[in-house]
Amino acid sequence: MNENVHAGSSGDPTGVDTHLPLNFQALYLADQEAFHDYAYTKLGSDQAAEDAVHTAMLLVLRHWEQLLVESNMQQQVWAILREVVENFRRDHEDRETITKSLADYRQGLARLNGEQGVFEALASLPPQQFDAVVLRYILGYKPQRISWYMGLHERTVDYHCRQGKQRIERAVPTLLKKSSEAGKKDRHEKNTRG
């Protein structure tokens, strides 16, 4: 838990964060290995286990005063850890599913042969633009979910979507011209009927 504290940052030359309650530090040090082992068995990587334990311990610290009055504090701490680890596991599965879907979609595009070149234009987009465009316009994901998946701000996702659309439009101008002509024809027919 003290990995982000540099020696002397809290005025203590040992680098121990004296702002953390001593009994909290004792709990963490006593159970650190068990917490990590549990998270590792569920998540399968050291980094994911460390991140999950760190997140869980921040939650424990946030609720420390309430946990101190619990009849079985240890049980409550483990419940927090299990919930955080489960959330990490679900997030990882969601990311893996999205990643696989995008890879499958890109491979599928490579096999298609569209006469207007849309498939080729889409498949040739840079990876972030491809992901943003496919997730937003083809799979219908909301920008918040796309930003979570890509690890980007929503405005950056919007930028990648705009850039991707512009590249496709430049690559396939005949399709856009046909679409706009068809739209004008439809509007003209509606106006002449009424």
C-alpha atoms as a PDB file:
ATOM      1  CA  MET A   1       0.000   0.000   0.000  1.00  0.00           C
ATOM      2  CA  ASN A   2       2.936   2.353   0.480  1.00  0.00           C
ATOM      3  CA  GLU A   3       4.357   1.837  -3.006  1.00  0.00           C
ATOM      4  CA  ASN A   4       3.393   5.366  -4.077  1.00  0.00           C
ATOM      5  CA  VAL A   5       4.993   6.980  -1.042  1.00  0.00           C
ATOM      6  CA  HIS A   6       8.564   8.118  -1.512  1.00  0.00           C
ATOM      7  CA  ALA A   7      11.002   8.039   1.363  1.00  0.00           C
ATOM      8  CA  GLY A   8      10.545  11.098   3.472  1.00  0.00           C
ATOM      9  CA  SER A   9       7.362  12.301   1.744  1.00  0.00           C
ATOM     10  CA  SER A  10       5.448  12.102   5.012  1.00  0.00           C
ATOM     11  CA  GLY A  11       8.315  13.483   7.046  1.00  0.00           C
ATOM     12  CA  ASP A  12       9.496  10.008   8.049  1.00  0.00           C
ATOM     13  CA  PRO A  13      12.938   9.076   6.654  1.00  0.00           C
ATOM     14  CA  THR A  14      11.886   5.390   6.431  1.00  0.00           C
ATOM     15  CA  GLY A  15       9.292   6.211   3.789  1.00  0.00           C
ATOM     16  CA  VAL A  16       6.417   4.779   5.848  1.00  0.00           C
ATOM     17  CA  ASP A  17       3.194   6.700   5.359  1.00  0.00           C
ATOM     18  CA  THR A  18       2.325   7.822   8.865  1.00  0.00           C
ATOM     19  CA  HIS A  19      -1.026   9.150   7.646  1.00  0.00           C
ATOM     20  CA  LEU A  20      -2.440   5.622   7.327  1.00  0.00           C
ATOM     21  CA  PRO A  21      -3.955   4.194  10.508  1.00  0.00           C
ATOM     22  CA  LEU A  22      -1.510   1.814  12.134  1.00  0.00           C
ATOM     23  CA  ASN A  23      -4.116  -0.943  12.514  1.00  0.00           C
ATOM     24  CA  PHE A  24      -4.946  -0.612   8.798  1.00  0.00           C
ATOM     25  CA  GLN A  25      -1.275  -1.031   7.932  1.00  0.00           C
ATOM     26  CA  ALA A  26      -1.088  -4.065  10.223  1.00  0.00           C
ATOM     27  CA  LEU A  27      -4.126  -5.665   8.552  1.00  0.00           C
ATOM     28  CA  TYR A  28      -2.658  -5.091   5.092  1.00  0.00           C
ATOM     29  CA  LEU A  29       0.774  -6.413   5.971  1.00  0.00           C
ATOM     30  CA  ALA A  30      -0.654  -9.478   7.726  1.00  0.00           C
ATOM     31  CA  ASP A  31      -2.949 -10.427   4.828  1.00  0.00           C
ATOM     32  CA  GLN A  32      -1.128  -8.991   1.819  1.00  0.00           C
ATOM     33  CA  GLU A  33       0.087 -12.347   0.525  1.00  0.00           C
ATOM     34  CA  ALA A  34      -3.307 -14.034   0.962  1.00  0.00           C
ATOM     35  CA  PHE A  35      -5.059 -11.101  -0.763  1.00  0.00           C
ATOM     36  CA  HIS A  36      -2.651 -11.297  -3.697  1.00  0.00           C
ATOM     37  CA  ASP A  37      -2.880 -15.088  -3.961  1.00  0.00           C
ATOM     38  CA  TYR A  38      -6.681 -14.959  -4.047  1.00  0.00           C
ATOM     39  CA  ALA A  39      -6.718 -12.206  -6.695  1.00  0.00           C
ATOM     40  CA  TYR A  40      -4.070 -14.012  -8.753  1.00  0.00           C
ATOM     41  CA  THR A  41      -6.065 -17.276  -8.839  1.00  0.00           C
ATOM     42  CA  LYS A  42      -9.119 -15.395 -10.106  1.00  0.00           C
ATOM     43  CA  LEU A  43      -7.405 -12.981 -12.505  1.00  0.00           C
ATOM     44  CA  GLY A  44      -4.403 -14.960 -13.716  1.00  0.00           C
ATOM     45  CA  SER A  45      -1.767 -12.230 -13.754  1.00  0.00           C
ATOM     46  CA  ASP A  46       0.392 -10.534 -11.162  1.00  0.00           C
ATOM     47  CA  GLN A  47      -0.354  -7.053 -12.477  1.00  0.00           C
ATOM     48  CA  ALA A  48      -4.122  -7.570 -12.452  1.00  0.00           C
ATOM     49  CA  ALA A  49      -3.918  -9.084  -8.953  1.00  0.00           C
ATOM     50  CA  GLU A  50      -1.850  -6.163  -7.673  1.00  0.00           C
ATOM     51  CA  ASP A  51      -4.235  -3.641  -9.222  1.00  0.00           C
ATOM     52  CA  ALA A  52      -7.276  -5.395  -7.756  1.00  0.00           C
ATOM     53  CA  VAL A  53      -5.768  -5.672  -4.271  1.00  0.00           C
ATOM     54  CA  HIS A  54      -4.681  -2.037  -4.396  1.00  0.00           C
ATOM     55  CA  THR A  55      -8.196  -0.942  -5.423  1.00  0.00           C
ATOM     56  CA  ALA A  56      -9.776  -3.111  -2.737  1.00  0.00           C
ATOM     57  CA  MET A  57      -7.491  -1.751  -0.044  1.00  0.00           C
ATOM     58  CA  LEU A  58      -8.305   1.806  -1.055  1.00  0.00           C
ATOM     59  CA  LEU A  59     -11.982   0.928  -0.570  1.00  0.00           C
ATOM     60  CA  VAL A  60     -11.209  -0.642   2.789  1.00  0.00           C
ATOM     61  CA  LEU A  61      -9.322   2.490   3.805  1.00  0.00           C
ATOM     62  CA  ARG A  62     -12.198   4.699   2.651  1.00  0.00           C
ATOM     63  CA  HIS A  63     -14.577   2.729   4.902  1.00  0.00           C
ATOM     64  CA  TRP A  64     -12.062   2.073   7.671  1.00  0.00           C
ATOM     65  CA  GLU A  65     -13.964   3.796  10.489  1.00  0.00           C
ATOM     66  CA  GLN A  66     -17.141   1.819   9.681  1.00  0.00           C
ATOM     67  CA  LEU A  67     -15.208  -1.435   9.405  1.00  0.00           C
ATOM     68  CA  LEU A  68     -13.655  -0.953  12.830  1.00  0.00           C
ATOM     69  CA  VAL A  69     -17.074  -1.305  14.505  1.00  0.00           C
ATOM     70  CA  GLU A  70     -18.041  -4.433  12.551  1.00  0.00           C
ATOM     71  CA  SER A  71     -18.304  -7.628  14.554  1.00  0.00           C
ATOM     72  CA  ASN A  72     -16.218  -9.468  11.964  1.00  0.00           C
ATOM     73  CA  MET A  73     -14.066  -6.891  10.225  1.00  0.00           C
ATOM     74  CA  GLN A  74     -11.927  -9.548   8.527  1.00  0.00           C
ATOM     75  CA  GLN A  75     -15.004 -11.013   6.856  1.00  0.00           C
ATOM     76  CA  GLN A  76     -16.043  -7.565   5.602  1.00  0.00           C
ATOM     77  CA  VAL A  77     -12.556  -6.856   4.234  1.00  0.00           C
ATOM     78  CA  TRP A  78     -12.587 -10.157   2.340  1.00  0.00           C
ATOM     79  CA  ALA A  79     -16.075  -9.372   1.003  1.00  0.00           C
ATOM     80  CA  ILE A  80     -14.750  -6.079  -0.379  1.00  0.00           C
ATOM     81  CA  LEU A  81     -11.753  -7.842  -1.916  1.00  0.00           C
ATOM     82  CA  ARG A  82     -13.937 -10.532  -3.530  1.00  0.00           C
ATOM     83  CA  GLU A  83     -16.281  -7.915  -4.998  1.00  0.00           C
ATOM     84  CA  VAL A  84     -13.420  -5.873  -6.436  1.00  0.00           C
ATOM     85  CA  VAL A  85     -11.730  -8.966  -7.875  1.00  0.00           C
ATOM     86  CA  GLU A  86     -15.016 -10.060  -9.461  1.00  0.00           C
ATOM     87  CA  ASN A  87     -15.454  -6.607 -11.023  1.00  0.00           C
ATOM     88  CA  PHE A  88     -11.896  -6.783 -12.393  1.00  0.00           C
ATOM     89  CA  ARG A  89     -12.606 -10.262 -13.788  1.00  0.00           C
ATOM     90  CA  ARG A  90     -15.823  -9.089 -15.488  1.00  0.00           C
ATOM     91  CA  ASP A  91     -14.114  -6.024 -16.920  1.00  0.00           C
ATOM     92  CA  HIS A  92     -11.329  -8.219 -18.280  1.00  0.00           C
ATOM     93  CA  GLU A  93     -13.833 -10.604 -19.882  1.00  0.00           C
ATOM     94  CA  ASP A  94     -15.755  -7.682 -21.395  1.00  0.00           C
ATOM     95  CA  ARG A  95     -12.560  -6.236 -22.842  1.00  0.00           C
ATOM     96  CA  GLU A  96     -11.532  -9.634 -24.233  1.00  0.00           C
ATOM     97  CA  THR A  97     -14.955 -10.080 -25.849  1.00  0.00           C
ATOM     98  CA  ILE A  98     -14.818  -6.655 -27.461  1.00  0.00           C
ATOM     99  CA  THR A  99     -11.242  -7.215 -28.638  1.00  0.00           C
ATOM    100  CA  LYS A 100     -12.173 -10.569 -30.194  1.00  0.00           C
ATOM    101  CA  SER A 101     -15.261  -9.064 -31.871  1.00  0.00           C
ATOM    102  CA  LEU A 102     -13.188  -6.291 -33.418  1.00  0.00           C
ATOM    103  CA  ALA A 103     -10.524  -8.713 -34.649  1.00  0.00           C
ATOM    104  CA  ASP A 104     -13.171 -11.027 -36.116  1.00  0.00           C
ATOM    105  CA  TYR A 105     -14.881  -8.079 -37.780  1.00  0.00           C
ATOM    106  CA  ARG A 106     -11.624  -6.833 -39.318  1.00  0.00           C
ATOM    107  CA  GLN A 107     -10.850 -10.335 -40.638  1.00  0.00           C
ATOM    108  CA  GLY A 108     -14.374 -10.629 -42.027  1.00  0.00           C
ATOM    109  CA  LEU A 109     -14.004  -7.318 -43.843  1.00  0.00           C
ATOM    110  CA  ALA A 110     -10.845  -8.547 -45.516  1.00  0.00           C
ATOM    111  CA  ARG A 111     -12.830 -11.439 -47.061  1.00  0.00           C
ATOM    112  CA  LEU A 112     -15.675  -9.254 -48.350  1.00  0.00           C
ATOM    113  CA  ASN A 113     -15.568  -7.662 -51.746  1.00  0.00           C
ATOM    114  CA  GLY A 114     -17.680  -4.542 -51.937  1.00  0.00           C
ATOM    115  CA  GLU A 115     -18.005  -2.845 -55.290  1.00  0.00           C
ATOM    116  CA  GLN A 116     -17.851   0.640 -53.784  1.00  0.00           C
ATOM    117  CA  GLY A 117     -14.751  -0.062 -51.666  1.00  0.00           C
ATOM    118  CA  VAL A 118     -16.384   0.607 -48.297  1.00  0.00           C
ATOM    119  CA  PHE A 119     -15.117  -2.608 -46.764  1.00  0.00           C
ATOM    120  CA  GLU A 120     -11.579  -1.957 -47.909  1.00  0.00           C
ATOM    121  CA  ALA A 121     -11.715   1.639 -46.679  1.00  0.00           C
ATOM    122  CA  LEU A 122     -12.998   0.538 -43.278  1.00  0.00           C
ATOM    123  CA  ALA A 123     -10.440  -2.260 -42.972  1.00  0.00           C
ATOM    124  CA  SER A 124      -7.607   0.137 -43.866  1.00  0.00           C
ATOM    125  CA  LEU A 125      -8.342   2.552 -41.015  1.00  0.00           C
ATOM    126  CA  PRO A 126      -5.678   2.898 -38.313  1.00  0.00           C
ATOM    127  CA  PRO A 127      -6.450   0.641 -35.325  1.00  0.00           C
ATOM    128  CA  GLN A 128      -7.936   3.282 -33.001  1.00  0.00           C
ATOM    129  CA  GLN A 129     -10.106   4.769 -35.733  1.00  0.00           C
ATOM    130  CA  PHE A 130     -11.232   1.313 -36.822  1.00  0.00           C
ATOM    131  CA  ASP A 131     -12.144   0.346 -33.257  1.00  0.00           C
ATOM    132  CA  ALA A 132     -13.997   3.599 -32.597  1.00  0.00           C
ATOM    133  CA  VAL A 133     -15.937   3.505 -35.896  1.00  0.00           C
ATOM    134  CA  VAL A 134     -16.922  -0.163 -35.645  1.00  0.00           C
ATOM    135  CA  LEU A 135     -17.884   0.039 -31.981  1.00  0.00           C
ATOM    136  CA  ARG A 136     -19.894   3.224 -32.460  1.00  0.00           C
ATOM    137  CA  TYR A 137     -21.567   2.901 -35.846  1.00  0.00           C
ATOM    138  CA  ILE A 138     -21.713  -0.830 -36.467  1.00  0.00           C
ATOM    139  CA  LEU A 139     -22.009  -2.388 -33.010  1.00  0.00           C
ATOM    140  CA  GLY A 140     -23.919   0.608 -31.603  1.00  0.00           C
ATOM    141  CA  TYR A 141     -21.866   1.126 -28.427  1.00  0.00           C
ATOM    142  CA  LYS A 142     -22.293   4.364 -26.536  1.00  0.00           C
ATOM    143  CA  PRO A 143     -19.269   6.692 -26.398  1.00  0.00           C
ATOM    144  CA  GLN A 144     -18.876   6.096 -22.633  1.00  0.00           C
ATOM    145  CA  ARG A 145     -18.402   2.351 -23.143  1.00  0.00           C
ATOM    146  CA  ILE A 146     -16.043   2.905 -26.059  1.00  0.00           C
ATOM    147  CA  SER A 147     -13.937   5.285 -23.978  1.00  0.00           C
ATOM    148  CA  TRP A 148     -13.832   2.694 -21.164  1.00  0.00           C
ATOM    149  CA  TYR A 149     -12.709  -0.017 -23.588  1.00  0.00           C
ATOM    150  CA  MET A 150     -10.153   2.094 -25.415  1.00  0.00           C
ATOM    151  CA  GLY A 151      -8.917   3.841 -22.278  1.00  0.00           C
ATOM    152  CA  LEU A 152      -9.481   7.242 -23.855  1.00  0.00           C
ATOM    153  CA  HIS A 153     -11.533  10.308 -23.033  1.00  0.00           C
ATOM    154  CA  GLU A 154     -14.944  10.475 -24.748  1.00  0.00           C
ATOM    155  CA  ARG A 155     -13.850  13.515 -26.771  1.00  0.00           C
ATOM    156  CA  THR A 156     -10.898  11.529 -28.087  1.00  0.00           C
ATOM    157  CA  VAL A 157     -13.261   8.713 -29.077  1.00  0.00           C
ATOM    158  CA  ASP A 158     -15.435  11.270 -30.925  1.00  0.00           C
ATOM    159  CA  TYR A 159     -12.303  12.568 -32.660  1.00  0.00           C
ATOM    160  CA  HIS A 160     -11.336   9.056 -33.814  1.00  0.00           C
ATOM    161  CA  CYS A 161     -14.899   8.482 -35.076  1.00  0.00           C
ATOM    162  CA  ARG A 162     -14.853  11.752 -37.045  1.00  0.00           C
ATOM    163  CA  GLN A 163     -11.407  11.053 -38.475  1.00  0.00           C
ATOM    164  CA  GLY A 164     -12.395   7.502 -39.416  1.00  0.00           C
ATOM    165  CA  LYS A 165     -15.574   8.664 -41.146  1.00  0.00           C
ATOM    166  CA  GLN A 166     -13.621  11.323 -43.060  1.00  0.00           C
ATOM    167  CA  ARG A 167     -11.064   8.747 -44.249  1.00  0.00           C
ATOM    168  CA  ILE A 168     -13.865   6.451 -45.431  1.00  0.00           C
ATOM    169  CA  GLU A 169     -15.594   9.383 -47.162  1.00  0.00           C
ATOM    170  CA  ARG A 170     -12.365  10.327 -48.962  1.00  0.00           C
ATOM    171  CA  ALA A 171     -11.732   6.716 -49.969  1.00  0.00           C
ATOM    172  CA  VAL A 172     -15.239   6.164 -51.299  1.00  0.00           C
ATOM    173  CA  PRO A 173     -16.477   9.465 -52.772  1.00  0.00           C
ATOM    174  CA  THR A 174     -18.611   7.757 -55.450  1.00  0.00           C
ATOM    175  CA  LEU A 175     -20.676   6.031 -52.766  1.00  0.00           C
ATOM    176  CA  LEU A 176     -21.304   9.327 -51.008  1.00  0.00           C
ATOM    177  CA  LYS A 177     -22.221  11.031 -54.264  1.00  0.00           C
ATOM    178  CA  LYS A 178     -24.702   8.229 -55.065  1.00  0.00           C
ATOM    179  CA  SER A 179     -26.161   8.475 -51.548  1.00  0.00           C
ATOM    180  CA  SER A 180     -26.625  12.230 -51.744  1.00  0.00           C
ATOM    181  CA  GLU A 181     -28.161  11.964 -55.243  1.00  0.00           C
ATOM    182  CA  ALA A 182     -30.559   9.258 -54.010  1.00  0.00           C
ATOM    183  CA  GLY A 183     -31.503  11.460 -51.049  1.00  0.00           C
ATOM    184  CA  LYS A 184     -32.162  14.432 -53.344  1.00  0.00           C
ATOM    185  CA  LYS A 185     -34.268  12.223 -55.635  1.00  0.00           C
ATOM    186  CA  ASP A 186     -36.336  10.948 -52.685  1.00  0.00           C
ATOM    187  CA  ARG A 187     -36.900  14.499 -51.387  1.00  0.00           C
ATOM    188  CA  HIS A 188     -37.850  15.658 -54.887  1.00  0.00           C
ATOM    189  CA  GLU A 189     -40.386  12.798 -55.240  1.00  0.00           C
ATOM    190  CA  LYS A 190     -41.913  13.630 -51.832  1.00  0.00           C
ATOM    191  CA  ASN A 191     -42.204  17.294 -52.760  1.00  0.00           C
ATOM    192  CA  THR A 192     -43.863  16.568 -56.136  1.00  0.00           C
ATOM    193  CA  ARG A 193     -46.422  14.156 -54.631  1.00  0.00           C
ATOM    194  CA  GLY A 194     -47.728  16.645 -52.060  1.00  0.00           C
END
